[in-house]
Amino acid sequence: MVSDKISLIYAREAVNNIPNNSSGIIKVVDARLIYKEFSNKNSSIGVNLSSVSLSGLTPAQFKNAAECSNMKLYQISSIVTDINGSNFIISFDDTLKRYKSPNSEKYPNEIQAILDTLNQMYLPKYNELVNIWDKLYTDVYIQVEEDINGNLTMQYIDCGYIQGLFGSNKVTYIKNGSTHTKNAKDALIDLFDNL
């Protein structure tokens, strides 16, 4: 749920920052997301931004959620906008790795303002999150304890199943204009605490 919340906040922030301007009113009609789950990074599922909840996770709940949930990573796949009654679809081009739209002779400035919001504000933050996400991994994590008689007992992490989220791989990222290097899990915590 940690990357879920971070990536959803980034997406909502981008959609809410799509500008209105004096030459035409821009309304977001629909925002579609795709997401992939940590346990199956090769599969993507589409959802509507308005149908996904941000509730649930607080910073105090982070550790358990990071280790005991199948986190998701959401990305804006397309946005349908209405500019003075004309609909335009802005979509992510997987080959170019940026957002694009059909050409518009009537509203080039408005379309460019939307593209700038997505490509210059949203995409760098999303890509930074992906960089951290890609360095996280799951592995068996068994807690070994010794009882008062010297007997060893082994149990899985607190969530009771075999995998925990780890991030010993170092990642460099930018937070508040400063460059930081931490292990991937701590970097994810840092991004979460900075929301």
C-alpha atoms as a PDB file:
ATOM      1  CA  MET A   1       0.000   0.000   0.000  1.00  0.00           C
ATOM      2  CA  VAL A   2       2.966   2.346   0.287  1.00  0.00           C
ATOM      3  CA  SER A   3       3.759   2.740  -3.412  1.00  0.00           C
ATOM      4  CA  ASP A   4      -0.007   2.639  -4.054  1.00  0.00           C
ATOM      5  CA  LYS A   5      -0.504   5.773  -2.014  1.00  0.00           C
ATOM      6  CA  ILE A   6       2.574   7.600  -3.308  1.00  0.00           C
ATOM      7  CA  SER A   7       1.764   6.900  -6.971  1.00  0.00           C
ATOM      8  CA  LEU A   8      -1.932   7.797  -6.509  1.00  0.00           C
ATOM      9  CA  ILE A   9      -1.054  11.082  -4.822  1.00  0.00           C
ATOM     10  CA  TYR A  10       1.311  11.906  -7.696  1.00  0.00           C
ATOM     11  CA  ALA A  11      -1.426  11.083 -10.255  1.00  0.00           C
ATOM     12  CA  ARG A  12      -4.119  13.113  -8.464  1.00  0.00           C
ATOM     13  CA  GLU A  13      -1.740  16.017  -8.020  1.00  0.00           C
ATOM     14  CA  ALA A  14      -0.975  16.020 -11.766  1.00  0.00           C
ATOM     15  CA  VAL A  15      -4.649  15.839 -12.774  1.00  0.00           C
ATOM     16  CA  ASN A  16      -5.541  18.612 -10.328  1.00  0.00           C
ATOM     17  CA  ASN A  17      -2.727  20.775 -11.720  1.00  0.00           C
ATOM     18  CA  ILE A  18      -3.886  20.615 -15.334  1.00  0.00           C
ATOM     19  CA  PRO A  19      -4.240  24.322 -15.947  1.00  0.00           C
ATOM     20  CA  ASN A  20      -7.189  26.417 -16.948  1.00  0.00           C
ATOM     21  CA  ASN A  21      -6.231  29.454 -18.954  1.00  0.00           C
ATOM     22  CA  SER A  22      -7.800  32.603 -20.373  1.00  0.00           C
ATOM     23  CA  SER A  23      -8.151  31.357 -23.947  1.00  0.00           C
ATOM     24  CA  GLY A  24     -10.172  28.309 -22.999  1.00  0.00           C
ATOM     25  CA  ILE A  25     -11.395  26.279 -20.086  1.00  0.00           C
ATOM     26  CA  ILE A  26      -9.820  22.861 -19.729  1.00  0.00           C
ATOM     27  CA  LYS A  27     -11.813  20.214 -17.883  1.00  0.00           C
ATOM     28  CA  VAL A  28     -10.611  16.720 -17.146  1.00  0.00           C
ATOM     29  CA  VAL A  29     -13.419  14.384 -18.212  1.00  0.00           C
ATOM     30  CA  ASP A  30     -11.702  11.097 -17.374  1.00  0.00           C
ATOM     31  CA  ALA A  31      -8.338   9.964 -16.046  1.00  0.00           C
ATOM     32  CA  ARG A  32      -7.331   6.337 -16.596  1.00  0.00           C
ATOM     33  CA  LEU A  33      -4.577   4.582 -14.712  1.00  0.00           C
ATOM     34  CA  ILE A  34      -2.746   1.368 -15.215  1.00  0.00           C
ATOM     35  CA  TYR A  35      -1.175  -0.437 -12.330  1.00  0.00           C
ATOM     36  CA  LYS A  36       1.080  -3.365 -11.767  1.00  0.00           C
ATOM     37  CA  GLU A  37       1.395  -5.375  -8.601  1.00  0.00           C
ATOM     38  CA  PHE A  38       4.717  -5.996  -6.938  1.00  0.00           C
ATOM     39  CA  SER A  39       4.175  -9.745  -7.071  1.00  0.00           C
ATOM     40  CA  ASN A  40       3.513  -9.641 -10.830  1.00  0.00           C
ATOM     41  CA  LYS A  41       5.402  -6.735 -12.374  1.00  0.00           C
ATOM     42  CA  ASN A  42       4.796  -7.919 -15.944  1.00  0.00           C
ATOM     43  CA  SER A  43       1.012  -7.544 -15.853  1.00  0.00           C
ATOM     44  CA  SER A  44      -0.848  -4.221 -16.051  1.00  0.00           C
ATOM     45  CA  ILE A  45      -4.481  -3.577 -15.143  1.00  0.00           C
ATOM     46  CA  GLY A  46      -6.526  -0.482 -16.043  1.00  0.00           C
ATOM     47  CA  VAL A  47      -8.734   1.487 -13.643  1.00  0.00           C
ATOM     48  CA  ASN A  48     -10.350   4.908 -13.424  1.00  0.00           C
ATOM     49  CA  LEU A  49      -8.568   7.375 -11.116  1.00  0.00           C
ATOM     50  CA  SER A  50     -11.825   8.348  -9.416  1.00  0.00           C
ATOM     51  CA  SER A  51     -12.525   4.718  -8.463  1.00  0.00           C
ATOM     52  CA  VAL A  52      -9.331   4.247  -6.433  1.00  0.00           C
ATOM     53  CA  SER A  53      -9.249   5.220  -2.755  1.00  0.00           C
ATOM     54  CA  LEU A  54      -6.335   6.904  -1.013  1.00  0.00           C
ATOM     55  CA  SER A  55      -7.540   6.073   2.475  1.00  0.00           C
ATOM     56  CA  GLY A  56      -5.976   3.612   4.821  1.00  0.00           C
ATOM     57  CA  LEU A  57      -2.272   3.975   5.300  1.00  0.00           C
ATOM     58  CA  THR A  58      -0.713   6.372   7.774  1.00  0.00           C
ATOM     59  CA  PRO A  59       3.033   6.833   8.335  1.00  0.00           C
ATOM     60  CA  ALA A  60       2.783   4.878  11.605  1.00  0.00           C
ATOM     61  CA  GLN A  61       1.446   1.856   9.685  1.00  0.00           C
ATOM     62  CA  PHE A  62       4.180   1.973   7.052  1.00  0.00           C
ATOM     63  CA  LYS A  63       6.541  -0.767   8.247  1.00  0.00           C
ATOM     64  CA  ASN A  64       3.913  -3.501   8.414  1.00  0.00           C
ATOM     65  CA  ALA A  65       2.289  -2.384   5.167  1.00  0.00           C
ATOM     66  CA  ALA A  66       5.616  -2.309   3.361  1.00  0.00           C
ATOM     67  CA  GLU A  67       6.506  -5.806   4.439  1.00  0.00           C
ATOM     68  CA  CYS A  68       3.074  -7.407   4.461  1.00  0.00           C
ATOM     69  CA  SER A  69       1.172  -6.157   1.453  1.00  0.00           C
ATOM     70  CA  ASN A  70       1.291  -6.677  -2.267  1.00  0.00           C
ATOM     71  CA  MET A  71       2.017  -3.105  -3.244  1.00  0.00           C
ATOM     72  CA  LYS A  72       0.863  -1.593  -6.508  1.00  0.00           C
ATOM     73  CA  LEU A  73       2.342   1.089  -8.694  1.00  0.00           C
ATOM     74  CA  TYR A  74      -0.159   3.316 -10.513  1.00  0.00           C
ATOM     75  CA  GLN A  75       0.601   5.378 -13.618  1.00  0.00           C
ATOM     76  CA  ILE A  76      -1.603   7.752 -15.588  1.00  0.00           C
ATOM     77  CA  SER A  77      -2.245   5.986 -18.890  1.00  0.00           C
ATOM     78  CA  SER A  78      -4.568   8.549 -20.455  1.00  0.00           C
ATOM     79  CA  ILE A  79      -6.545  11.679 -19.711  1.00  0.00           C
ATOM     80  CA  VAL A  80      -9.625  12.798 -21.630  1.00  0.00           C
ATOM     81  CA  THR A  81      -9.945  16.570 -21.549  1.00  0.00           C
ATOM     82  CA  ASP A  82     -12.677  18.915 -22.682  1.00  0.00           C
ATOM     83  CA  ILE A  83     -11.422  22.210 -24.079  1.00  0.00           C
ATOM     84  CA  ASN A  84     -14.359  24.484 -24.923  1.00  0.00           C
ATOM     85  CA  GLY A  85     -16.522  21.501 -25.876  1.00  0.00           C
ATOM     86  CA  SER A  86     -13.875  19.582 -27.824  1.00  0.00           C
ATOM     87  CA  ASN A  87     -12.536  16.315 -26.382  1.00  0.00           C
ATOM     88  CA  PHE A  88      -8.851  15.459 -26.574  1.00  0.00           C
ATOM     89  CA  ILE A  89      -7.138  12.307 -25.370  1.00  0.00           C
ATOM     90  CA  ILE A  90      -3.677  12.689 -23.888  1.00  0.00           C
ATOM     91  CA  SER A  91      -1.977   9.308 -23.544  1.00  0.00           C
ATOM     92  CA  PHE A  92       1.321   7.835 -22.475  1.00  0.00           C
ATOM     93  CA  ASP A  93       3.479   6.638 -25.348  1.00  0.00           C
ATOM     94  CA  ASP A  94       5.359   3.592 -24.076  1.00  0.00           C
ATOM     95  CA  THR A  95       7.929   3.810 -26.868  1.00  0.00           C
ATOM     96  CA  LEU A  96       8.723   7.514 -26.395  1.00  0.00           C
ATOM     97  CA  LYS A  97       8.294   7.283 -22.591  1.00  0.00           C
ATOM     98  CA  ARG A  98       6.307  10.513 -22.483  1.00  0.00           C
ATOM     99  CA  TYR A  99       2.757  11.794 -22.860  1.00  0.00           C
ATOM    100  CA  LYS A 100       1.485  12.814 -26.277  1.00  0.00           C
ATOM    101  CA  SER A 101      -1.712  14.044 -27.884  1.00  0.00           C
ATOM    102  CA  PRO A 102      -3.174  14.488 -31.329  1.00  0.00           C
ATOM    103  CA  ASN A 103      -2.270  17.791 -32.988  1.00  0.00           C
ATOM    104  CA  SER A 104      -4.732  20.589 -32.475  1.00  0.00           C
ATOM    105  CA  GLU A 105      -4.654  23.711 -34.598  1.00  0.00           C
ATOM    106  CA  LYS A 106      -7.455  25.222 -32.546  1.00  0.00           C
ATOM    107  CA  TYR A 107      -6.014  24.684 -29.025  1.00  0.00           C
ATOM    108  CA  PRO A 108      -2.240  24.181 -29.301  1.00  0.00           C
ATOM    109  CA  ASN A 109      -1.425  26.231 -26.181  1.00  0.00           C
ATOM    110  CA  GLU A 110      -3.935  24.382 -24.022  1.00  0.00           C
ATOM    111  CA  ILE A 111      -2.741  20.989 -25.213  1.00  0.00           C
ATOM    112  CA  GLN A 112       0.878  22.003 -24.621  1.00  0.00           C
ATOM    113  CA  ALA A 113       0.022  23.174 -21.088  1.00  0.00           C
ATOM    114  CA  ILE A 114      -1.480  19.743 -20.326  1.00  0.00           C
ATOM    115  CA  LEU A 115       1.531  17.945 -21.832  1.00  0.00           C
ATOM    116  CA  ASP A 116       3.897  20.151 -19.817  1.00  0.00           C
ATOM    117  CA  THR A 117       2.048  19.283 -16.603  1.00  0.00           C
ATOM    118  CA  LEU A 118       2.289  15.556 -17.325  1.00  0.00           C
ATOM    119  CA  ASN A 119       5.766  15.389 -18.866  1.00  0.00           C
ATOM    120  CA  GLN A 120       7.559  17.969 -16.718  1.00  0.00           C
ATOM    121  CA  MET A 121       5.774  17.834 -13.362  1.00  0.00           C
ATOM    122  CA  TYR A 122       4.316  14.339 -13.026  1.00  0.00           C
ATOM    123  CA  LEU A 123       6.606  12.078 -15.045  1.00  0.00           C
ATOM    124  CA  PRO A 124       9.925  12.908 -13.274  1.00  0.00           C
ATOM    125  CA  LYS A 125       8.385  12.135  -9.866  1.00  0.00           C
ATOM    126  CA  TYR A 126       6.762   8.965 -11.170  1.00  0.00           C
ATOM    127  CA  ASN A 127      10.028   7.809 -12.802  1.00  0.00           C
ATOM    128  CA  GLU A 128      11.887   8.396  -9.541  1.00  0.00           C
ATOM    129  CA  LEU A 129       9.355   6.162  -7.769  1.00  0.00           C
ATOM    130  CA  VAL A 130       9.776   3.497 -10.478  1.00  0.00           C
ATOM    131  CA  ASN A 131      13.549   3.614  -9.983  1.00  0.00           C
ATOM    132  CA  ILE A 132      13.074   2.824  -6.287  1.00  0.00           C
ATOM    133  CA  TRP A 133      10.332   0.234  -6.977  1.00  0.00           C
ATOM    134  CA  ASP A 134      12.604  -1.629  -9.388  1.00  0.00           C
ATOM    135  CA  LYS A 135      15.263  -2.012  -6.690  1.00  0.00           C
ATOM    136  CA  LEU A 136      12.894  -3.502  -4.111  1.00  0.00           C
ATOM    137  CA  TYR A 137      12.613  -7.252  -3.851  1.00  0.00           C
ATOM    138  CA  THR A 138      10.899  -9.893  -1.784  1.00  0.00           C
ATOM    139  CA  ASP A 139      12.661 -12.709  -0.036  1.00  0.00           C
ATOM    140  CA  VAL A 140      12.145 -15.229   2.713  1.00  0.00           C
ATOM    141  CA  TYR A 141      12.415 -13.529   6.079  1.00  0.00           C
ATOM    142  CA  ILE A 142      12.400 -15.763   9.114  1.00  0.00           C
ATOM    143  CA  GLN A 143      12.698 -14.464  12.622  1.00  0.00           C
ATOM    144  CA  VAL A 144      14.717 -16.758  14.907  1.00  0.00           C
ATOM    145  CA  GLU A 145      14.183 -16.514  18.656  1.00  0.00           C
ATOM    146  CA  GLU A 146      15.600 -18.459  21.559  1.00  0.00           C
ATOM    147  CA  ASP A 147      13.315 -19.364  24.466  1.00  0.00           C
ATOM    148  CA  ILE A 148      14.428 -19.522  28.110  1.00  0.00           C
ATOM    149  CA  ASN A 149      15.408 -23.196  27.694  1.00  0.00           C
ATOM    150  CA  GLY A 150      17.747 -22.432  24.796  1.00  0.00           C
ATOM    151  CA  ASN A 151      15.402 -23.865  22.149  1.00  0.00           C
ATOM    152  CA  LEU A 152      15.320 -22.014  18.858  1.00  0.00           C
ATOM    153  CA  THR A 153      11.986 -21.181  17.294  1.00  0.00           C
ATOM    154  CA  MET A 154      11.571 -19.858  13.813  1.00  0.00           C
ATOM    155  CA  GLN A 155       8.629 -17.912  12.481  1.00  0.00           C
ATOM    156  CA  TYR A 156       7.905 -15.839   9.429  1.00  0.00           C
ATOM    157  CA  ILE A 157       7.682 -12.076   9.688  1.00  0.00           C
ATOM    158  CA  ASP A 158       4.760 -10.531  11.520  1.00  0.00           C
ATOM    159  CA  CYS A 159       2.377 -10.751   8.577  1.00  0.00           C
ATOM    160  CA  GLY A 160       2.651 -14.529   8.730  1.00  0.00           C
ATOM    161  CA  TYR A 161       3.741 -15.440   5.242  1.00  0.00           C
ATOM    162  CA  ILE A 162       6.962 -16.266   3.551  1.00  0.00           C
ATOM    163  CA  GLN A 163       7.966 -13.017   1.849  1.00  0.00           C
ATOM    164  CA  GLY A 164       8.972  -9.631   3.160  1.00  0.00           C
ATOM    165  CA  LEU A 165       9.818  -6.471   1.291  1.00  0.00           C
ATOM    166  CA  PHE A 166      13.483  -5.587   1.221  1.00  0.00           C
ATOM    167  CA  GLY A 167      15.552  -2.971  -0.465  1.00  0.00           C
ATOM    168  CA  SER A 168      19.252  -3.374   0.255  1.00  0.00           C
ATOM    169  CA  ASN A 169      20.054  -2.144  -3.257  1.00  0.00           C
ATOM    170  CA  LYS A 170      21.222   1.463  -3.126  1.00  0.00           C
ATOM    171  CA  VAL A 171      19.207   4.057  -5.017  1.00  0.00           C
ATOM    172  CA  THR A 172      19.858   7.746  -5.631  1.00  0.00           C
ATOM    173  CA  TYR A 173      16.818  10.022  -5.649  1.00  0.00           C
ATOM    174  CA  ILE A 174      15.868  13.676  -5.244  1.00  0.00           C
ATOM    175  CA  LYS A 175      13.840  14.928  -2.301  1.00  0.00           C
ATOM    176  CA  ASN A 176      13.117  18.639  -1.771  1.00  0.00           C
ATOM    177  CA  GLY A 177      15.761  19.560  -4.329  1.00  0.00           C
ATOM    178  CA  SER A 178      18.545  17.553  -2.637  1.00  0.00           C
ATOM    179  CA  THR A 179      20.090  14.314  -3.868  1.00  0.00           C
ATOM    180  CA  HIS A 180      20.006  11.380  -1.439  1.00  0.00           C
ATOM    181  CA  THR A 181      21.368   7.830  -1.589  1.00  0.00           C
ATOM    182  CA  LYS A 182      19.753   5.149   0.558  1.00  0.00           C
ATOM    183  CA  ASN A 183      18.671   1.552   0.298  1.00  0.00           C
ATOM    184  CA  ALA A 184      15.477   1.210  -1.732  1.00  0.00           C
ATOM    185  CA  LYS A 185      13.148   0.500   1.190  1.00  0.00           C
ATOM    186  CA  ASP A 186      14.410   3.523   3.160  1.00  0.00           C
ATOM    187  CA  ALA A 187      14.104   5.670   0.027  1.00  0.00           C
ATOM    188  CA  LEU A 188      10.478   4.569  -0.325  1.00  0.00           C
ATOM    189  CA  ILE A 189       9.880   5.482   3.341  1.00  0.00           C
ATOM    190  CA  ASP A 190      11.496   8.855   2.700  1.00  0.00           C
ATOM    191  CA  LEU A 191       9.199   9.570  -0.273  1.00  0.00           C
ATOM    192  CA  PHE A 192       6.197   8.455   1.762  1.00  0.00           C
ATOM    193  CA  ASP A 193       7.125  10.693   4.722  1.00  0.00           C
ATOM    194  CA  ASN A 194       7.562  13.611   2.315  1.00  0.00           C
ATOM    195  CA  LEU A 195       3.988  13.503   0.939  1.00  0.00           C
END
